[in-house]
Protein backbone atom coordinates (compact mmCIF):
# COMPACT_ATOMS: atom_id res chain seq x y z
CA MET A 1 -0.01 0.03 0.02
CA MET A 2 2.71 2.44 0.93
CA ASN A 3 4.68 1.63 -2.20
CA PHE A 4 1.58 2.26 -4.32
CA LEU A 5 1.12 5.70 -2.65
CA ARG A 6 4.71 6.61 -3.21
CA ARG A 7 4.53 5.73 -6.93
CA ARG A 8 1.16 7.50 -7.23
CA LEU A 9 2.34 10.63 -5.50
CA SER A 10 5.63 10.77 -7.45
CA ASP A 11 3.67 10.72 -10.75
CA SER A 12 3.79 14.24 -12.28
CA SER A 13 0.42 13.78 -14.12
CA PHE A 14 -1.29 13.03 -10.86
CA ILE A 15 0.00 16.04 -9.14
CA ALA A 16 -0.82 18.33 -12.08
CA ASN A 17 -4.59 17.04 -12.17
CA LEU A 18 -5.13 17.85 -8.56
CA PRO A 19 -7.64 20.71 -7.71
CA ASN A 20 -6.31 24.01 -6.58
CA GLY A 21 -5.68 23.91 -2.85
CA TYR A 22 -4.95 20.19 -2.59
CA MET A 23 -1.49 19.15 -1.72
CA THR A 24 0.10 22.44 -2.85
CA ASP A 25 3.38 21.36 -1.30
CA LEU A 26 3.58 18.55 -3.87
CA GLN A 27 2.63 20.82 -6.84
CA ARG A 28 5.43 23.36 -6.10
CA PRO A 29 9.02 22.42 -7.00
CA GLU A 30 10.33 23.88 -3.73
CA PRO A 31 8.42 23.96 -0.43
CA PRO A 32 7.68 27.55 0.60
CA GLN A 33 8.39 28.91 4.06
CA PRO A 34 5.43 28.57 6.51
CA PRO A 35 3.70 31.88 7.10
CA PRO A 36 5.10 33.53 10.20
CA PRO A 37 2.71 34.23 13.12
CA VAL A 38 1.85 37.82 13.67
CA SER A 39 4.40 38.80 16.29
CA PRO A 40 7.33 41.09 16.43
CA ALA A 41 9.68 38.04 16.93
CA PRO A 42 9.41 36.75 13.38
CA GLU A 43 10.11 40.10 12.00
CA ARG A 44 13.33 40.17 13.91
CA ARG A 45 14.04 36.67 12.70
CA GLN A 46 13.51 37.60 9.12
CA ALA A 47 15.66 40.67 9.56
CA SER A 48 18.34 38.48 11.08
CA GLN A 49 17.93 36.00 8.18
CA SER A 50 18.27 38.81 5.66
CA ALA A 51 21.22 40.12 7.50
CA GLY A 52 22.67 36.75 7.64
CA SER A 53 22.07 36.11 3.95
CA SER A 54 23.69 39.56 3.11
CA PHE A 55 26.56 38.58 5.40
CA PHE A 56 27.09 35.29 3.63
CA SER A 57 26.69 36.96 0.21
CA SER A 58 29.32 39.44 1.16
CA ILE A 59 31.60 36.57 2.32
CA SER A 60 31.00 34.80 -0.93
CA ASN A 61 31.77 37.98 -2.97
CA ALA A 62 34.92 38.47 -0.93
CA VAL A 63 35.94 34.88 -1.62
CA LYS A 64 35.27 35.29 -5.29
CA GLN A 65 37.32 38.47 -5.36
CA THR A 66 40.15 36.79 -3.43
CA THR A 67 40.02 33.78 -5.81
CA ALA A 68 40.24 36.13 -8.79
CA ALA A 69 43.05 38.01 -7.27
CA ALA A 70 44.86 34.81 -6.48
CA ALA A 71 44.24 33.54 -10.05
CA ALA A 72 45.65 36.81 -11.43
CA GLY A 73 48.59 36.62 -9.11
CA LEU A 74 49.19 32.99 -10.09
CA THR A 75 49.04 34.00 -13.77
CA GLU A 76 51.63 36.75 -13.06
CA GLN A 77 53.77 34.30 -11.18
CA THR A 78 53.45 31.75 -13.99
CA SER A 79 54.57 34.31 -16.51
CA ALA A 80 57.33 35.54 -14.30
CA GLY A 81 58.41 31.84 -13.81
CA ALA A 82 58.27 31.21 -17.47
CA ALA A 83 60.54 34.27 -18.02
CA LYS A 84 62.90 32.90 -15.30
CA LYS A 85 63.08 29.57 -17.06
CA ALA A 86 64.95 31.16 -20.03
CA LYS A 87 68.71 30.46 -20.26
CA ILE A 88 70.65 33.31 -21.89
CA LEU A 89 73.02 32.31 -24.68
CA LEU A 90 75.50 35.04 -25.64
CA ILE A 91 76.97 34.70 -29.20
CA ILE A 92 79.83 36.84 -30.19
CA ASP A 93 79.63 36.99 -33.92
CA GLU A 94 78.99 39.40 -36.81
CA PRO A 95 75.37 40.14 -37.62
CA HIS A 96 75.33 38.46 -41.01
CA THR A 97 74.34 35.18 -39.27
CA ASP A 98 71.06 35.11 -37.26
CA TRP A 99 71.65 32.63 -34.65
CA ALA A 100 68.38 33.37 -32.83
CA LYS A 101 66.45 31.55 -35.64
CA LEU A 102 68.66 28.52 -35.26
CA PHE A 103 67.99 28.21 -31.48
CA ARG A 104 64.32 28.98 -31.74
CA GLY A 105 62.28 26.22 -30.10
CA LYS A 106 65.34 24.55 -28.46
CA LYS A 107 65.23 23.87 -24.73
CA VAL A 108 67.88 23.23 -22.13
CA HIS A 109 67.12 20.10 -19.99
CA GLY A 110 63.81 19.85 -21.83
CA GLU A 111 62.31 22.73 -19.79
CA TYR A 112 64.31 25.89 -20.14
CA ASP A 113 63.97 28.05 -23.19
CA ILE A 114 67.04 29.60 -24.87
CA ARG A 115 67.23 33.35 -25.19
CA VAL A 116 69.89 34.38 -27.76
CA GLU A 117 71.82 37.63 -27.41
CA GLN A 118 74.11 38.23 -30.33
CA ALA A 119 76.68 41.10 -30.63
CA GLU A 120 80.22 41.80 -31.47
CA PHE A 121 83.03 42.53 -29.07
CA ALA A 122 82.90 46.23 -29.85
CA GLU A 123 79.17 46.37 -28.82
CA ILE A 124 79.38 44.88 -25.38
CA ASN A 125 80.91 45.49 -22.04
CA LEU A 126 80.89 43.44 -18.91
CA MET A 127 81.50 43.31 -15.21
CA ALA A 128 82.60 40.03 -13.45
CA GLN A 129 82.32 39.58 -9.71
CA ALA A 130 84.36 37.38 -7.41
CA ASP A 131 81.33 35.16 -6.66
CA GLY A 132 81.34 33.90 -10.22
CA THR A 133 78.58 36.12 -11.75
CA CYS A 134 78.99 37.98 -15.01
CA THR A 135 76.83 40.94 -16.15
CA VAL A 136 77.04 42.00 -19.79
CA ASP A 137 75.91 45.42 -21.06
CA MET A 138 74.98 45.42 -24.82
CA GLN A 139 74.43 48.45 -27.09
CA VAL A 140 73.71 47.35 -30.68
CA PHE A 141 71.98 48.99 -33.69
CA ARG A 142 69.28 46.81 -35.29
CA ASN A 143 67.49 48.18 -38.34
CA GLY A 144 68.44 51.77 -37.40
CA THR A 145 67.38 51.36 -33.79
CA ARG A 146 69.66 51.37 -30.87
CA VAL A 147 69.00 48.51 -28.50
CA VAL A 148 70.49 48.74 -25.05
CA ARG A 149 70.04 45.91 -22.55
CA SER A 150 71.82 44.33 -19.56
CA PHE A 151 71.70 40.58 -18.79
CA LYS A 152 73.63 37.78 -17.14
CA PRO A 153 74.51 35.11 -19.64
CA ASP A 154 74.50 31.45 -18.82
CA PHE A 155 76.58 30.35 -21.81
CA VAL A 156 78.74 31.96 -24.45
CA ILE A 157 80.12 30.99 -27.86
CA VAL A 158 82.86 33.08 -29.46
CA ARG A 159 82.71 33.17 -33.28
CA GLN A 160 84.77 36.43 -33.58
CA HIS A 161 88.59 36.76 -33.24
CA PRO A 162 89.13 38.35 -29.76
CA TYR A 163 92.52 39.70 -30.84
CA SER A 164 93.52 41.13 -34.21
CA MET A 165 96.55 43.30 -34.83
CA ALA A 166 95.26 44.32 -38.21
CA GLU A 167 92.37 46.38 -36.84
CA ASN A 168 94.34 47.33 -33.78
CA GLU A 169 91.61 45.90 -31.60
CA ASP A 170 92.41 43.77 -28.57
CA PHE A 171 89.35 42.10 -26.82
CA ARG A 172 91.32 39.60 -24.70
CA ASN A 173 90.11 41.44 -21.65
CA PHE A 174 86.56 40.20 -22.38
CA ILE A 175 87.83 36.57 -22.52
CA ILE A 176 89.37 37.23 -19.12
CA GLY A 177 86.11 38.66 -17.80
CA PHE A 178 84.18 35.56 -19.04
CA GLN A 179 86.66 33.36 -17.35
CA TYR A 180 86.52 35.41 -14.18
CA GLY A 181 82.77 35.01 -14.17
CA ASN A 182 83.03 31.24 -14.52
CA LEU A 183 80.98 31.28 -17.72
CA PRO A 184 80.88 28.00 -19.74
CA SER A 185 81.61 28.36 -23.48
CA VAL A 186 82.40 26.58 -26.77
CA ASN A 187 85.29 26.30 -27.13
CA SER A 188 86.74 26.61 -23.69
CA LEU A 189 87.73 30.12 -22.72
CA GLU A 190 91.26 28.79 -21.82
CA SER A 191 91.73 27.57 -25.37
CA ILE A 192 90.28 30.75 -26.92
CA TYR A 193 92.72 32.87 -24.92
CA ASN A 194 95.64 30.59 -25.90
CA PHE A 195 94.75 30.98 -29.59
CA CYS A 196 95.29 34.74 -29.38
CA ASP A 197 98.95 34.24 -30.37
CA LYS A 198 99.75 32.08 -33.34
CA PRO A 199 103.38 31.22 -32.35
CA TRP A 200 101.91 29.90 -29.06
CA VAL A 201 99.64 27.62 -30.99
CA PHE A 202 102.44 26.51 -33.40
CA ALA A 203 104.47 25.48 -30.29
CA GLN A 204 101.66 23.02 -29.46
CA LEU A 205 101.80 21.78 -33.09
CA ALA A 206 105.45 21.25 -32.69
CA ASN A 207 104.84 18.98 -29.68
CA ILE A 208 102.36 16.93 -31.72
CA TYR A 209 104.99 16.69 -34.43
CA LYS A 210 107.54 15.33 -31.97
CA ARG A 211 105.05 12.83 -30.68
CA LEU A 212 103.65 11.48 -33.96
CA GLY A 213 106.67 12.06 -36.25
CA PRO A 214 106.97 13.65 -39.69
CA GLU A 215 105.28 10.81 -41.58
CA LYS A 216 102.01 11.02 -39.73
CA PHE A 217 102.01 14.78 -38.88
CA PRO A 218 103.98 16.69 -41.52
CA LEU A 219 104.49 20.12 -40.01
CA ILE A 220 106.18 22.88 -41.91
CA GLU A 221 109.43 24.28 -40.54
CA GLN A 222 109.19 27.67 -38.82
CA VAL A 223 111.53 30.08 -37.16
CA PHE A 224 110.32 32.49 -34.42
CA TYR A 225 111.77 35.98 -33.88
CA PRO A 226 110.57 37.85 -30.75
CA ASN A 227 111.62 41.21 -32.21
CA HIS A 228 113.51 42.68 -35.12
CA LYS A 229 116.87 42.62 -33.37
CA GLU A 230 117.25 38.86 -34.00
CA MET A 231 116.33 38.99 -37.62
CA LEU A 232 119.89 38.94 -38.77
CA THR A 233 120.35 35.31 -39.88
CA MET A 234 119.77 34.85 -43.53
CA PRO A 235 117.42 31.94 -44.05
CA THR A 236 117.06 30.04 -47.26
CA PHE A 237 115.07 32.01 -49.85
CA PRO A 238 112.29 32.37 -50.80
CA ILE A 239 110.50 32.56 -47.51
CA VAL A 240 107.15 33.74 -46.13
CA VAL A 241 107.34 36.21 -43.27
CA LYS A 242 104.31 36.46 -40.93
CA ILE A 243 104.25 39.58 -38.82
CA GLY A 244 102.38 39.45 -35.48
CA HIS A 245 99.01 37.98 -35.03
CA ALA A 246 96.85 38.54 -38.13
CA HIS A 247 94.18 36.77 -40.08
CA SER A 248 92.73 36.38 -43.57
CA GLY A 249 96.21 36.60 -45.33
CA MET A 250 97.14 39.92 -43.59
CA GLY A 251 100.70 40.36 -42.34
CA LYS A 252 102.12 37.69 -44.70
CA VAL A 253 104.94 38.76 -47.13
CA LYS A 254 106.85 36.66 -49.69
CA VAL A 255 110.56 37.49 -49.50
CA GLU A 256 112.75 36.51 -52.41
CA ASN A 257 116.21 37.73 -51.21
CA HIS A 258 118.08 39.18 -48.29
CA TYR A 259 117.45 42.78 -49.24
CA ASP A 260 113.74 42.36 -49.00
CA PHE A 261 114.32 40.48 -45.74
CA GLN A 262 116.19 43.55 -44.27
CA ASP A 263 113.30 45.79 -45.35
CA ILE A 264 110.75 43.49 -43.62
CA ALA A 265 112.88 43.56 -40.47
CA SER A 266 112.58 47.38 -40.39
CA VAL A 267 108.74 46.94 -40.74
CA VAL A 268 108.74 44.51 -37.85
CA ALA A 269 110.65 47.15 -35.78
CA LEU A 270 107.90 49.65 -36.38
CA ALA A 271 105.22 47.16 -35.63
CA ASN A 272 107.06 46.44 -32.25
CA THR A 273 105.89 42.74 -32.37
CA TYR A 274 107.13 39.27 -33.05
CA ALA A 275 107.56 37.65 -36.46
CA THR A 276 107.97 34.13 -37.87
CA THR A 277 109.52 32.81 -41.08
CA GLU A 278 108.52 29.74 -43.10
CA PRO A 279 109.97 28.23 -46.38
CA PHE A 280 107.80 29.14 -49.38
CA ILE A 281 105.98 26.08 -50.70
CA ASP A 282 104.83 26.15 -54.39
CA SER A 283 101.56 24.70 -53.76
CA LYS A 284 98.93 23.20 -56.08
CA TYR A 285 96.08 23.71 -53.57
CA ASP A 286 95.27 24.25 -49.97
CA ILE A 287 93.61 21.73 -47.74
CA ARG A 288 91.28 22.45 -44.88
CA ILE A 289 89.99 19.71 -42.55
CA GLN A 290 87.37 20.87 -40.06
CA LYS A 291 85.77 19.14 -37.11
CA ILE A 292 82.53 20.27 -35.50
CA GLY A 293 81.69 17.97 -32.67
CA SER A 294 81.88 14.59 -34.32
CA ASN A 295 81.38 15.74 -37.89
CA TYR A 296 84.39 15.79 -40.22
CA LYS A 297 84.71 17.60 -43.57
CA ALA A 298 87.59 18.16 -45.92
CA TYR A 299 87.87 20.97 -48.53
CA MET A 300 90.37 21.75 -51.38
CA ARG A 301 90.92 25.30 -52.45
CA THR A 302 92.69 26.23 -55.63
CA SER A 303 93.65 29.83 -56.50
CA ILE A 304 92.29 31.15 -59.84
CA SER A 305 93.77 34.60 -59.87
CA GLY A 306 97.34 33.19 -59.63
CA ASN A 307 98.06 34.67 -56.20
CA TRP A 308 100.20 32.52 -54.03
CA LYS A 309 97.76 33.32 -51.26
CA THR A 310 94.84 31.03 -51.89
CA ASN A 311 92.68 32.76 -49.36
CA THR A 312 93.26 36.11 -51.20
CA GLY A 313 91.55 36.94 -54.60
CA SER A 314 89.57 34.36 -56.52
CA ALA A 315 89.76 30.73 -55.61
CA MET A 316 87.75 27.50 -56.36
CA LEU A 317 86.59 25.56 -53.39
CA GLU A 318 85.37 21.96 -53.50
CA GLN A 319 84.86 19.19 -50.93
CA ILE A 320 87.07 16.19 -51.07
CA ALA A 321 86.92 12.78 -49.40
CA MET A 322 87.79 12.46 -45.76
CA THR A 323 90.74 10.17 -45.30
CA GLU A 324 92.18 8.54 -42.25
CA ARG A 325 95.23 10.67 -42.59
CA TYR A 326 93.21 13.87 -42.45
CA ARG A 327 91.21 12.50 -39.50
CA LEU A 328 94.44 11.83 -37.59
CA TRP A 329 95.53 15.42 -38.08
CA VAL A 330 92.39 17.06 -36.83
CA ASP A 331 91.89 14.54 -33.99
CA ALA A 332 95.39 15.21 -32.75
CA CYS A 333 94.90 18.99 -32.93
CA SER A 334 91.55 18.76 -31.18
CA GLU A 335 93.27 17.60 -27.99
CA MET A 336 95.10 20.91 -27.61
CA PHE A 337 94.53 23.10 -24.54
CA GLY A 338 92.21 20.56 -22.90
CA GLY A 339 90.17 19.87 -25.94
CA LEU A 340 88.63 21.71 -28.84
CA ASP A 341 84.97 21.09 -29.82
CA ILE A 342 85.40 23.17 -33.04
CA CYS A 343 88.70 23.24 -34.89
CA ALA A 344 90.19 23.09 -38.34
CA VAL A 345 93.68 22.16 -39.76
CA LYS A 346 95.09 24.04 -42.74
CA ALA A 347 97.65 22.48 -44.94
CA VAL A 348 99.35 22.99 -48.26
CA HIS A 349 99.79 20.38 -50.94
CA GLY A 350 102.91 21.32 -52.81
CA LYS A 351 103.79 20.61 -56.39
CA ASP A 352 106.31 18.09 -55.10
CA GLY A 353 103.36 15.96 -53.92
CA LYS A 354 103.93 16.45 -50.19
CA ASP A 355 101.57 17.94 -47.55
CA TYR A 356 102.68 20.61 -45.10
CA ILE A 357 100.56 21.48 -42.06
CA ILE A 358 100.86 25.24 -41.52
CA GLU A 359 98.11 26.25 -39.08
CA VAL A 360 95.22 25.16 -36.83
CA MET A 361 92.12 27.30 -36.18
CA ASP A 362 89.62 27.18 -33.29
CA CYS A 363 85.91 28.04 -32.95
CA THR A 364 86.46 31.41 -34.65
CA MET A 365 87.08 29.72 -38.04
CA PRO A 366 84.82 30.88 -40.85
CA LEU A 367 82.39 28.42 -42.39
CA ILE A 368 83.01 27.71 -46.07
CA GLY A 369 81.63 25.62 -48.79
CA GLU A 370 78.16 24.66 -49.88
CA HIS A 371 77.27 23.12 -46.51
CA GLN A 372 77.34 26.23 -44.34
CA ALA A 373 73.73 25.85 -43.32
CA GLU A 374 74.47 22.26 -42.22
CA ASP A 375 77.54 23.42 -40.31
CA ARG A 376 75.48 26.04 -38.46
CA GLU A 377 73.03 23.32 -37.53
CA LEU A 378 75.94 21.24 -36.26
CA VAL A 379 77.20 24.18 -34.18
CA THR A 380 73.69 24.60 -32.77
CA GLU A 381 73.41 21.01 -31.72
CA LEU A 382 76.90 21.10 -30.26
CA VAL A 383 76.15 24.19 -28.20
CA LEU A 384 72.87 22.70 -27.03
CA GLY A 385 74.62 19.58 -25.93
CA LYS A 386 77.19 21.51 -24.03
CA MET A 387 74.60 23.64 -22.28
CA ASN A 388 72.81 20.53 -21.09
CA LEU A 389 76.13 19.20 -19.81
CA LEU A 390 77.62 22.30 -18.25
CA ILE A 391 74.58 24.32 -17.08
CA PRO A 392 73.24 22.79 -13.83
CA ARG A 393 69.51 22.40 -13.30
CA THR A 394 68.18 25.33 -11.19
CA PRO A 395 67.04 23.75 -7.80
CA ILE A 396 63.69 24.75 -6.43
CA PRO A 397 64.31 26.65 -3.17
CA SER A 398 62.81 24.87 -0.27
CA PRO A 399 60.49 26.96 2.04
CA GLN A 400 62.32 28.49 4.92
CA ARG A 401 61.34 27.09 8.25
CA PRO A 402 61.04 29.54 11.16
CA THR A 403 63.84 28.83 13.66
CA ALA A 404 62.90 28.42 17.27
CA THR A 405 64.20 31.33 19.45
CA GLN A 406 65.43 30.54 22.83
CA GLN A 407 64.00 32.51 25.78
CA PRO A 408 66.43 34.39 27.90
CA GLN A 409 67.40 32.41 31.06
CA SER A 410 67.92 33.75 34.48
CA GLY A 411 70.98 33.10 36.59
CA SER A 412 69.29 30.30 38.55
CA LEU A 413 68.27 28.48 35.29
CA LYS A 414 71.74 28.62 33.89
CA GLU A 415 73.20 27.22 37.08
CA ALA A 416 70.64 24.47 37.05
CA GLN A 417 71.32 23.53 33.43
CA THR A 418 75.05 23.27 34.07
CA GLN A 419 74.45 20.58 36.69
CA PRO A 420 74.02 17.04 35.23
CA GLY A 421 70.74 15.22 36.02
CA SER A 422 68.97 18.39 37.21
CA PHE A 423 65.75 19.97 35.79
CA PRO A 424 65.20 23.66 35.35
CA GLN A 425 63.21 25.34 38.15
CA GLN A 426 59.67 26.16 37.35
CA ARG A 427 58.56 29.70 37.26
CA PRO A 428 55.90 30.85 39.82
CA PRO A 429 52.42 31.34 38.42
CA PRO A 430 51.31 34.89 37.59
CA GLN A 431 49.78 36.92 40.30
CA GLY A 432 46.08 37.91 40.12
CA GLY A 433 46.39 41.37 41.85
CA PRO A 434 48.81 44.19 41.90
CA ILE A 435 52.05 43.82 43.87
CA GLN A 436 51.75 45.53 47.24
CA PRO A 437 54.46 48.02 48.12
CA GLN A 438 55.12 46.24 51.40
CA GLY A 439 55.82 42.57 51.67
CA PRO A 440 54.48 40.07 54.18
CA HIS A 441 55.49 40.11 57.77
CA PRO A 442 58.75 38.32 58.16
CA GLN A 443 57.64 36.58 61.41
CA CYS A 444 54.52 35.14 59.66
CA GLN A 445 56.72 33.99 56.81
CA ASP A 446 59.02 32.18 59.26
CA GLN A 447 56.04 30.49 60.96
CA LEU A 448 54.64 29.39 57.57
CA GLN A 449 57.96 27.84 56.64
CA GLN A 450 58.11 26.06 60.01
CA GLN A 451 54.62 24.68 59.57
CA HIS A 452 55.40 23.41 56.19
CA ALA A 453 58.49 21.81 57.55
CA SER A 454 56.55 20.00 60.15
CA HIS A 455 53.98 18.60 57.70
CA GLU A 456 56.11 17.77 54.77
CA GLY A 457 57.01 14.24 53.85
CA PRO A 458 60.17 12.32 54.51
CA ARG A 459 63.40 13.85 53.22
CA LEU A 460 65.39 12.55 50.32
CA GLN A 461 68.80 11.11 50.39
CA GLY A 462 71.31 13.50 51.84
CA GLY A 463 68.75 15.36 53.95
CA VAL A 464 67.53 17.50 51.07
CA ARG A 465 63.86 18.14 50.83
CA PRO A 466 61.97 18.36 47.55
CA ALA A 467 62.64 21.67 45.76
CA GLY A 468 59.18 22.39 44.32
CA PRO A 469 55.54 21.39 44.34
CA PRO A 470 54.00 18.85 41.94
CA PRO A 471 51.64 20.08 39.19
CA LEU A 472 48.60 19.46 41.35
CA LEU A 473 49.87 21.58 44.19
CA GLN A 474 50.84 24.33 41.69
CA ARG A 475 47.22 24.49 40.44
CA GLN A 476 45.97 24.75 44.00
CA LEU A 477 48.50 27.45 44.77
CA SER A 478 47.53 29.43 41.58
CA GLN A 479 43.84 29.33 42.63
CA ALA A 480 44.81 30.58 46.07
CA THR A 481 46.90 33.43 44.79
CA GLN A 482 43.96 34.69 42.67
CA GLN A 483 41.93 35.59 45.84
CA PRO A 484 41.35 39.35 46.32
CA GLN A 485 44.11 41.33 47.81
CA THR A 486 41.90 42.79 50.51
CA ALA A 487 41.17 39.30 51.81
CA LEU A 488 44.86 38.65 52.14
CA GLN A 489 45.31 42.04 53.93
CA SER A 490 42.45 41.18 56.26
CA GLN A 491 43.97 37.85 57.25
CA ARG A 492 47.20 39.41 58.56
CA PRO A 493 46.08 39.25 62.31
CA GLN A 494 45.48 35.44 61.86
CA SER A 495 49.22 34.97 61.63
CA GLN A 496 49.13 34.82 65.39
CA SER A 497 47.49 31.46 65.24
CA VAL A 498 50.67 30.06 63.55
CA LYS A 499 52.53 30.91 66.75
CA ARG A 500 50.26 28.65 68.74
CA GLN A 501 51.74 25.52 67.07
CA PRO A 502 53.35 23.09 69.56
CA GLU A 503 57.00 23.65 70.08
CA GLN A 504 57.69 20.08 69.73
CA LYS A 505 56.84 20.18 66.02
CA MET A 506 58.92 23.31 65.64
CA GLN A 507 61.84 21.59 67.35
CA ALA A 508 61.46 18.34 65.48
CA GLN A 509 62.28 20.07 62.19
CA PRO A 510 64.54 23.06 62.26
CA PRO A 511 63.49 26.05 60.15
CA LEU A 512 64.08 25.73 56.35
CA ARG A 513 66.05 28.94 56.30
CA SER A 514 68.50 27.76 58.91
CA GLN A 515 69.70 24.73 56.91
CA PRO A 516 73.10 25.22 55.20
CA LYS A 517 72.85 25.16 51.51
CA THR A 518 75.81 23.40 50.03
CA PRO A 519 76.31 22.19 46.41
CA GLN A 520 76.42 18.54 47.70
CA GLN A 521 73.18 18.79 49.53
CA GLN A 522 71.16 20.99 47.20
CA PRO A 523 71.50 20.63 43.35
CA GLN A 524 70.08 24.08 42.63
CA PRO A 525 69.87 27.27 44.71
CA GLN A 526 66.67 28.50 46.12
CA PRO A 527 65.56 31.90 45.00
CA GLN A 528 65.29 34.54 47.79
CA PRO A 529 61.79 36.11 48.20
CA HIS A 530 61.59 39.72 46.98
CA PRO A 531 60.57 42.23 49.64
CA GLN A 532 57.75 43.41 47.49
CA LEU A 533 56.15 40.05 47.13
CA ASN A 534 52.76 39.37 48.86
CA LYS A 535 51.80 36.41 51.12
CA SER A 536 50.84 34.20 48.19
CA GLN A 537 54.23 34.47 46.74
CA SER A 538 55.89 33.69 49.97
CA LEU A 539 53.62 30.73 50.31
CA THR A 540 54.58 29.59 46.80
CA ASN A 541 58.27 29.83 47.76
CA ALA A 542 57.66 27.94 50.95
CA PHE A 543 56.24 24.96 48.99
CA ASN A 544 59.13 24.84 46.48
CA PHE A 545 58.95 21.33 44.97
CA THR A 546 60.10 19.99 41.70
CA GLU A 547 58.87 16.98 39.77
CA SER A 548 62.38 15.55 39.48
CA SER A 549 62.88 15.54 43.24
CA LEU A 550 59.44 13.97 43.65
CA PHE A 551 60.25 11.23 41.13
CA ARG A 552 63.53 10.45 43.07
CA SER A 553 61.56 9.97 46.37
CA ASN A 554 60.76 6.55 47.78
CA LEU A 555 57.02 7.45 48.29
CA ASN A 556 54.36 6.27 45.98
CA GLU A 557 52.84 8.81 43.68
CA ASP A 558 49.38 8.48 45.20
CA GLU A 559 50.61 8.68 48.70
CA ALA A 560 52.70 11.86 47.92
CA LYS A 561 49.68 13.54 46.35
CA ALA A 562 47.48 12.65 49.36
CA GLU A 563 50.04 14.01 51.77
CA THR A 564 50.54 17.12 49.79
CA ILE A 565 46.76 17.78 49.70
CA ARG A 566 46.49 17.26 53.49
CA ASN A 567 49.36 19.70 54.09
CA LEU A 568 47.84 22.22 51.85
CA ARG A 569 44.46 22.03 53.48
CA LYS A 570 46.04 22.42 57.02
CA SER A 571 48.02 25.34 55.80
CA PHE A 572 45.06 27.14 54.13
CA ALA A 573 42.91 26.40 57.16
CA SER A 574 45.31 28.02 59.49
CA LEU A 575 45.84 30.91 57.13
CA PHE A 576 42.37 31.80 56.12
CA SER A 577 40.35 30.71 59.18
CA ASP A 578 38.31 33.39 61.00
């Protein structure tokens, strides 16, 4: 029957066909509020409900606004975090190559974007600090607009010669600044600085020549002159004189006889630099073997204009097969100065059919041939791999936990802590009323101490009484100290009742103040009562127990509590009785 009624009443057609006035609560989707009785109380209730609804609506609005603000702040933090996740790559190169396009979409450790800053040495300045940070200021002109920015690079690649005597520009101080700021790079900054003097690099080639021999590593003969004063010995002519540290065929002169050699010596004197001499090789073509990471390429360059300098004038360039002989050359040179990631070996193939190694270049070498785009991609992949290897992941800072501050300790607490096996003395509970200018009567205080001595439990070992009350006694004392101050003042005449105690009890236990306090008998000193303390404070000092002394006693815990309660009741009865 009940199931039938439930199904019948739940039918929407049945409820819709009911006459008006019948079961209106079923016809409406939501039950209305019952009509309030005519009285002022419901009006106040409705007002309170409306006020409560407005209060909750204001709370909900505030929550919505707070949520929106938090979402906006989270968006800002997310954007700021995304900006912080970019690693800055500084590329020192001429503007004809746009390296930003090559590194677009690349990431370091799979999560950090790469922000490319490209400039020449003449367009930057830097400041390196002793903690290993390097700040670079850059001023460049892009499409007629001057761009000025300051940043801290995370990685650097040098594609421009840092030292060139031809342009009278020396940027070796920037290499020193990068090294001072502990900035990783390709190639290493140490190798880049060592390549700033070609005779210094040729000395390394001479070591490889001694190690491998002339068959595997055919190095050309060379003579070094630190200045013009030593250029007196007449070498075998014709020779090639290289003055100072220059690039792209500059500073190289072909000398046919000793008269021309004397003229070149005077030029070296004006340049105030070093010079080297090499025998002139009548070459058929030049050979260049380059290595970018693990990729090898070999090129042959033949002069068309007839100039003995194949890198000057018109020349024909073609790629040749990479042989094991060429691979041995470039691999041996890539081990110089701790390792070279990008390097190239230049050699001359003479008409006599022999090869002569004349020079090695580092990461500042120009890209040649039809595969320059591929070589740029290889440099990009090499730099990305080095950034993943040399740039550490930025750790997420852990939230700082608040350190617990120690409260200042009094002299008694410091003395108690220095003693082994002792516990710090508990502080007296706060007083309920103001401190009276005059303290309790000294005679009444003596009598209270004597009464406590007569009712206290057995002593501990060594004749030392417990030094403080247990927690239950402290709660009783704190309740007693919260009585009105006038009641304590009115009870001062009652101190005479303390004098009527039997003399036998007073003689059984000597006064507490008369006992000698030695370090062997008492582990911690008793604080002297201040003259401004009231009777409740003197009573608290009289019952000076500690939990540690109570635990060391031979009494049971229940018996000690019962004895303490009895002593407290007797003391309060004699002190507050009429």
